[in-house]
Amino acid sequence: MYKIMQRIYISVCLICLLVWFGCDSKGQPGAVTDDKLRVVTTIGMITDVVKNVGGTRVEVTGMVEAGVDPHFYNPTAKDVQMLGSAHIIFYNGLHLEAKMGDILAKMSEDILTIPVTDAIDRSLLITHSEYEELYDPHLWFDVSLWMQVVEKVRDVLSEFDADNSVLYRSNAERYLTKLVELDEYIKSQVERVPSEQRVLVTAHDCFHYFGMAYRFEVRGLQGISTTTEVGIADIQDLATFIAERGISAIFAESSVSSRSLEAVKTAVKAKGFGVEIGGQLFTDAMGNEGTPEGTYIGMIRYNIDTIVYALIEESEL
C-alpha cells in the first residue's frame, strides 16, 4: 500500500510540474534577467557551497532542512514550485536523493540540473556491496573531495552567468583556502587520538570517506542508506565488535533516531563491557541556520572535535 501511495504522490507532483512548465518558460544560460540568479539545492552542504561561491549574486534555497534525512525526503508541492522557478538546480546524486529522482529527472528537461558528484573521478568514490553498481554518496566527509564539488559549482555558475564569472572564481578561491585549512585542522585533531583508538561507530554507515581520508576504522549499525532496516542480529553483531575491540564511545546522528544505538549500548553492557554515546554528530544534515554547525565548515569542525574529545576522554577514565 505504501509503494502505491508513493507512486500516486510522485505522479501528482509530476502533473503539477507539467502544469507549471506550461505556464512559465525558463531561462537558458546567459538569459538571467533578474537581479539575482535563482538556485535551488537539495542538502544543506550543497546549499552552503553555493552561498559561498555565489555570494550576493545568487539567491539559493535549500529543500532539505536541518535535521531532516535526505534518504527519506519526499518533495512537497511547494518544493516542486520552487524547483520550477529556478535557473539552476544542484543536487548530490549517487542515489542520495532517491525519492526525488523522478522529479529531478523531469526538471532536467527544462532547467539546468546538476549532480555535483559528477565532478568526482569515479575511481575515488567508494562502492558498497549493499548497493551493487552504486557509490557511497557521503563524500563531504573527505574535505579534499568536497573541494572538487566547490570547483564544479564555480564552473557551472561561471558558465551560466558569464558576466559574473570573476566574482564566482574569486569567491571560490577564498572558500577553497578555508577548506584547505579545515582539512589540516582535521588531520591535526586526529593525531591526538592513538591509532588503536581510531574506531568510529555511528548509527549508519556514512563515514567511509572520512575513514579513508583521516585513517579511521568505521562501522555503522545501518547501511549507507538510512532506509536499511536494523534487525536484532545487526545489533548483536555490532555489540560483539564493540566489546571485543574495547571501544569506549559510539556516536548518535542528528538526522537518525538514536533508538537502535541505545539498544546497541544495552547489548554491549550485557556482554560485560561498558560503552558510552560520545555525542551526536551531524551527518546527512547540517545544524540549524545561524549556528556554527549550520555551515559546512562548522559542521565538520564540530564533528571532529566531538569524536576526538569523546575517544580521548573515555579512554582516560
Protein backbone atom coordinates (compact mmCIF):
# COMPACT_ATOMS: atom_id res chain seq x y z
CA MET A 1 0.00 0.00 0.00
CA TYR A 2 2.84 2.40 0.88
CA LYS A 3 4.51 1.94 -2.51
CA ILE A 4 1.20 2.52 -4.34
CA MET A 5 0.61 5.75 -2.39
CA GLN A 6 4.17 6.85 -3.08
CA ARG A 7 3.71 6.32 -6.84
CA ILE A 8 0.45 8.30 -6.73
CA TYR A 9 2.18 11.12 -4.85
CA ILE A 10 5.03 11.28 -7.36
CA SER A 11 2.56 11.26 -10.25
CA VAL A 12 0.63 14.18 -8.75
CA CYS A 13 3.86 16.13 -8.28
CA LEU A 14 4.84 15.48 -11.88
CA ILE A 15 1.42 16.63 -13.11
CA CYS A 16 1.84 19.84 -11.09
CA LEU A 17 5.25 20.19 -12.61
CA LEU A 18 3.92 19.87 -16.16
CA VAL A 19 1.27 22.50 -15.44
CA TRP A 20 3.92 24.80 -14.01
CA PHE A 21 6.13 24.43 -17.07
CA GLY A 22 3.15 25.03 -19.31
CA CYS A 23 2.57 28.39 -17.65
CA ASP A 24 6.14 29.62 -17.40
CA SER A 25 9.21 29.43 -19.61
CA LYS A 26 12.65 29.07 -18.13
CA GLY A 27 15.81 31.00 -18.96
CA GLN A 28 18.76 29.37 -20.61
CA PRO A 29 22.45 30.08 -19.88
CA GLY A 30 23.16 33.77 -20.24
CA ALA A 31 19.43 34.66 -20.09
CA VAL A 32 19.24 35.77 -16.45
CA THR A 33 17.09 38.90 -16.28
CA ASP A 34 16.51 39.15 -12.52
CA ASP A 35 18.77 40.90 -10.05
CA LYS A 36 19.89 37.55 -8.69
CA LEU A 37 20.47 34.04 -10.00
CA ARG A 38 17.86 31.70 -8.51
CA VAL A 39 19.39 28.42 -7.35
CA VAL A 40 17.69 25.52 -5.58
CA THR A 41 19.70 22.83 -3.80
CA THR A 42 18.79 19.62 -2.01
CA ILE A 43 21.06 19.07 1.01
CA GLY A 44 22.47 21.77 3.27
CA MET A 45 26.11 21.04 2.44
CA ILE A 46 25.48 21.94 -1.21
CA THR A 47 23.45 24.98 -0.18
CA ASP A 48 26.44 26.21 1.80
CA VAL A 49 28.80 25.74 -1.16
CA VAL A 50 26.51 27.76 -3.45
CA LYS A 51 26.19 30.53 -0.86
CA ASN A 52 29.95 30.81 -0.55
CA VAL A 53 30.66 30.68 -4.27
CA GLY A 54 27.65 32.65 -5.47
CA GLY A 55 27.84 35.36 -2.85
CA THR A 56 25.43 38.27 -3.22
CA ARG A 57 24.80 37.45 -6.87
CA VAL A 58 22.91 34.23 -6.05
CA GLU A 59 19.68 33.61 -4.17
CA VAL A 60 19.91 30.00 -3.01
CA THR A 61 17.17 27.95 -1.36
CA GLY A 62 17.75 24.53 0.16
CA MET A 63 15.00 21.93 0.13
CA VAL A 64 16.06 19.58 2.93
CA GLU A 65 16.04 21.42 6.26
CA ALA A 66 18.34 20.94 9.25
CA GLY A 67 17.87 17.60 10.98
CA VAL A 68 15.95 16.06 8.05
CA ASP A 69 17.20 12.82 6.48
CA PRO A 70 17.59 13.24 2.67
CA HIS A 71 17.38 9.47 2.14
CA PHE A 72 13.69 9.65 3.09
CA TYR A 73 12.83 13.10 1.81
CA ASN A 74 9.81 13.42 -0.49
CA PRO A 75 9.49 16.80 -2.25
CA THR A 76 6.35 18.77 -1.42
CA ALA A 77 4.15 20.70 -3.84
CA LYS A 78 5.91 23.85 -2.62
CA ASP A 79 9.26 22.26 -3.45
CA VAL A 80 8.05 21.47 -6.97
CA GLN A 81 7.01 25.09 -7.47
CA MET A 82 10.36 26.28 -6.10
CA LEU A 83 12.28 23.92 -8.36
CA GLY A 84 10.24 25.05 -11.34
CA SER A 85 11.21 28.69 -10.79
CA ALA A 86 14.96 28.04 -10.51
CA HIS A 87 17.63 28.98 -13.00
CA ILE A 88 19.85 26.13 -11.73
CA ILE A 89 19.27 23.09 -9.51
CA PHE A 90 22.18 21.44 -7.71
CA TYR A 91 21.83 18.05 -6.06
CA ASN A 92 24.22 15.43 -4.70
CA GLY A 93 23.38 12.46 -6.90
CA LEU A 94 24.73 8.96 -6.19
CA HIS A 95 21.21 7.94 -5.14
CA LEU A 96 21.27 10.12 -2.01
CA GLU A 97 18.05 11.88 -3.00
CA ALA A 98 16.45 8.61 -4.08
CA LYS A 99 12.83 9.69 -3.58
CA MET A 100 13.38 12.87 -5.61
CA GLY A 101 14.76 11.05 -8.64
CA ASP A 102 11.71 11.24 -10.92
CA ILE A 103 11.08 14.91 -10.24
CA LEU A 104 14.75 15.89 -10.68
CA ALA A 105 14.82 13.95 -13.96
CA LYS A 106 11.75 15.82 -15.19
CA MET A 107 13.24 19.15 -14.12
CA SER A 108 16.40 18.46 -16.11
CA GLU A 109 14.39 18.62 -19.35
CA ASP A 110 13.89 22.39 -18.96
CA ILE A 111 16.19 23.58 -16.17
CA LEU A 112 19.93 23.19 -15.74
CA THR A 113 20.00 20.38 -13.16
CA ILE A 114 23.45 19.39 -11.90
CA PRO A 115 24.50 16.41 -9.77
CA VAL A 116 27.59 17.90 -8.11
CA THR A 117 29.21 14.50 -7.64
CA ASP A 118 29.69 14.26 -11.41
CA ALA A 119 32.82 16.31 -10.73
CA ILE A 120 34.46 13.41 -8.91
CA ASP A 121 36.62 10.81 -10.63
CA ARG A 122 34.75 7.51 -10.16
CA SER A 123 37.96 5.80 -9.10
CA LEU A 124 37.91 8.00 -5.96
CA LEU A 125 34.37 7.00 -4.98
CA ILE A 126 33.59 4.16 -2.63
CA THR A 127 31.47 1.25 -3.80
CA HIS A 128 29.35 -0.76 -1.39
CA SER A 129 28.24 -4.37 -1.54
CA GLU A 130 24.84 -3.35 -0.19
CA TYR A 131 24.06 -1.41 -3.39
CA GLU A 132 25.52 -3.07 -6.46
CA GLU A 133 26.83 -0.62 -9.07
CA LEU A 134 26.08 2.37 -6.82
CA TYR A 135 28.52 4.57 -4.91
CA ASP A 136 28.56 5.80 -1.33
CA PRO A 137 27.14 9.36 -1.56
CA HIS A 138 28.63 10.75 1.70
CA LEU A 139 31.77 12.22 0.16
CA TRP A 140 31.50 15.53 2.05
CA PHE A 141 33.30 13.83 4.94
CA ASP A 142 36.52 13.91 2.90
CA VAL A 143 37.22 17.63 2.65
CA SER A 144 39.60 17.18 -0.28
CA LEU A 145 36.82 15.52 -2.31
CA TRP A 146 34.32 18.19 -1.30
CA MET A 147 36.70 20.80 -2.65
CA GLN A 148 36.11 19.31 -6.10
CA VAL A 149 32.39 19.91 -5.62
CA VAL A 150 33.16 23.58 -4.91
CA GLU A 151 35.07 23.72 -8.19
CA LYS A 152 32.14 22.13 -10.01
CA VAL A 153 29.69 24.71 -8.63
CA ARG A 154 32.13 27.51 -9.53
CA ASP A 155 32.41 26.30 -13.10
CA VAL A 156 28.65 25.86 -13.57
CA LEU A 157 27.85 29.33 -12.20
CA SER A 158 30.63 30.91 -14.25
CA GLU A 159 29.41 29.33 -17.48
CA PHE A 160 25.74 30.06 -16.88
CA ASP A 161 26.28 33.64 -15.75
CA ALA A 162 29.49 34.54 -17.58
CA ASP A 163 29.22 38.27 -16.81
CA ASN A 164 29.89 37.47 -13.15
CA SER A 165 32.47 34.69 -13.60
CA VAL A 166 35.22 36.78 -11.97
CA LEU A 167 33.09 37.09 -8.83
CA TYR A 168 32.39 33.36 -8.70
CA ARG A 169 36.03 32.44 -9.20
CA SER A 170 37.22 34.89 -6.58
CA ASN A 171 34.67 33.65 -4.03
CA ALA A 172 35.55 30.02 -4.78
CA GLU A 173 39.26 30.64 -4.34
CA ARG A 174 38.66 32.25 -0.95
CA TYR A 175 36.39 29.40 0.16
CA LEU A 176 38.79 26.71 -1.06
CA THR A 177 41.54 28.29 1.04
CA LYS A 178 39.32 27.87 4.10
CA LEU A 179 38.69 24.23 3.18
CA VAL A 180 42.42 23.55 2.94
CA GLU A 181 42.74 24.94 6.47
CA LEU A 182 39.81 22.74 7.58
CA ASP A 183 41.46 19.64 6.13
CA GLU A 184 44.66 20.41 8.03
CA TYR A 185 42.72 21.02 11.23
CA ILE A 186 41.08 17.59 10.99
CA LYS A 187 44.44 15.90 10.48
CA SER A 188 45.93 17.67 13.49
CA GLN A 189 42.97 16.67 15.67
CA VAL A 190 43.16 13.05 14.56
CA GLU A 191 46.78 12.91 15.67
CA ARG A 192 45.59 13.41 19.24
CA VAL A 193 43.89 10.00 19.17
CA PRO A 194 46.19 6.96 19.47
CA SER A 195 45.99 4.84 16.32
CA GLU A 196 44.49 1.82 18.15
CA GLN A 197 41.60 4.00 19.38
CA ARG A 198 40.67 5.39 15.96
CA VAL A 199 37.44 3.43 15.57
CA LEU A 200 34.29 5.36 14.72
CA VAL A 201 30.95 3.63 15.34
CA THR A 202 27.80 5.50 14.27
CA ALA A 203 24.10 4.96 13.65
CA HIS A 204 24.51 4.45 9.91
CA ASP A 205 27.42 3.63 7.64
CA CYS A 206 28.25 7.10 6.32
CA PHE A 207 31.83 7.76 7.39
CA HIS A 208 33.88 5.64 4.98
CA TYR A 209 35.23 8.66 3.11
CA PHE A 210 36.21 10.14 6.48
CA GLY A 211 37.87 6.88 7.46
CA MET A 212 39.90 6.63 4.25
CA ALA A 213 40.97 10.26 4.33
CA TYR A 214 41.86 10.50 8.01
CA ARG A 215 42.86 6.94 8.93
CA PHE A 216 39.87 5.81 10.99
CA GLU A 217 38.21 2.41 11.05
CA VAL A 218 34.47 2.96 10.71
CA ARG A 219 31.40 0.87 11.45
CA GLY A 220 27.72 1.75 11.16
CA LEU A 221 24.66 -0.01 12.55
CA GLN A 222 22.62 0.62 9.40
CA GLY A 223 23.94 0.52 5.86
CA ILE A 224 24.94 3.56 3.79
CA SER A 225 21.24 4.40 3.43
CA THR A 226 19.08 5.01 6.48
CA THR A 227 16.26 3.22 4.66
CA THR A 228 18.00 -0.04 5.57
CA GLU A 229 16.18 -1.85 8.36
CA VAL A 230 18.03 -2.86 11.52
CA GLY A 231 17.49 -6.33 12.97
CA ILE A 232 18.38 -7.95 16.28
CA ALA A 233 21.28 -9.76 14.62
CA ASP A 234 22.72 -6.42 13.43
CA ILE A 235 22.59 -5.05 16.96
CA GLN A 236 24.21 -8.14 18.45
CA ASP A 237 26.95 -8.25 15.81
CA LEU A 238 27.87 -4.62 16.40
CA ALA A 239 27.73 -5.09 20.19
CA THR A 240 30.14 -8.04 19.91
CA PHE A 241 32.50 -5.96 17.77
CA ILE A 242 32.45 -3.10 20.30
CA ALA A 243 33.01 -5.37 23.31
CA GLU A 244 35.80 -7.37 21.67
CA ARG A 245 37.61 -4.26 20.48
CA GLY A 246 37.12 -2.38 23.74
CA ILE A 247 35.62 0.66 22.00
CA SER A 248 34.85 3.34 24.56
CA ALA A 249 32.43 5.60 22.70
CA ILE A 250 29.86 5.37 19.91
CA PHE A 251 28.05 8.26 18.25
CA ALA A 252 24.45 9.20 17.50
CA GLU A 253 23.43 11.30 14.49
CA SER A 254 21.27 14.41 14.30
CA SER A 255 19.17 13.13 11.39
CA VAL A 256 18.81 9.50 12.53
CA SER A 257 16.88 8.10 15.50
CA SER A 258 19.18 7.02 18.34
CA ARG A 259 16.82 4.24 19.50
CA SER A 260 18.77 1.45 17.80
CA LEU A 261 22.06 2.83 19.05
CA GLU A 262 20.73 2.77 22.61
CA ALA A 263 19.86 -0.88 22.01
CA VAL A 264 23.47 -1.49 20.99
CA LYS A 265 24.67 0.16 24.20
CA THR A 266 22.41 -2.15 26.22
CA ALA A 267 23.61 -5.20 24.30
CA VAL A 268 27.24 -4.27 24.92
CA LYS A 269 26.54 -3.94 28.64
CA ALA A 270 25.02 -7.43 28.62
CA LYS A 271 28.34 -8.71 27.30
CA GLY A 272 30.15 -7.32 30.34
CA PHE A 273 31.55 -4.18 28.74
CA GLY A 274 30.51 -0.55 29.02
CA VAL A 275 30.29 1.85 26.09
CA GLU A 276 29.04 5.42 26.14
CA ILE A 277 27.34 7.52 23.49
CA GLY A 278 30.04 10.10 22.95
CA GLY A 279 27.82 12.73 21.40
CA GLN A 280 25.62 13.49 18.43
CA LEU A 281 27.25 14.04 15.04
CA PHE A 282 25.91 15.91 12.04
CA THR A 283 25.92 13.51 9.11
CA ASP A 284 23.31 13.77 6.32
CA ALA A 285 22.10 17.18 7.52
CA MET A 286 23.82 20.22 9.00
CA GLY A 287 22.80 22.14 12.11
CA ASN A 288 20.26 24.94 12.34
CA GLU A 289 20.79 28.03 10.23
CA GLY A 290 22.58 30.76 12.16
CA THR A 291 24.64 28.32 14.26
CA PRO A 292 28.26 27.32 13.56
CA GLU A 293 27.05 23.81 12.75
CA GLY A 294 24.67 25.31 10.19
CA THR A 295 27.64 25.74 7.86
CA TYR A 296 29.70 23.00 6.23
CA ILE A 297 32.94 24.11 7.90
CA GLY A 298 31.28 24.47 11.30
CA MET A 299 29.60 21.09 10.97
CA ILE A 300 32.84 19.29 10.14
CA ARG A 301 34.79 21.06 12.89
CA TYR A 302 32.08 20.18 15.42
CA ASN A 303 32.13 16.53 14.35
CA ILE A 304 35.87 16.06 14.60
CA ASP A 305 36.05 17.88 17.94
CA THR A 306 33.23 15.71 19.31
CA ILE A 307 34.82 12.48 18.06
CA VAL A 308 38.30 13.27 19.35
CA TYR A 309 37.13 14.56 22.73
CA ALA A 310 34.93 11.51 23.38
CA LEU A 311 37.51 8.93 22.35
CA ILE A 312 40.28 10.56 24.38
CA GLU A 313 38.13 11.28 27.44
CA GLU A 314 36.53 7.82 27.62
CA SER A 315 39.87 6.07 27.14
CA GLU A 316 41.37 8.01 30.06
CA LEU A 317 38.61 7.13 32.56
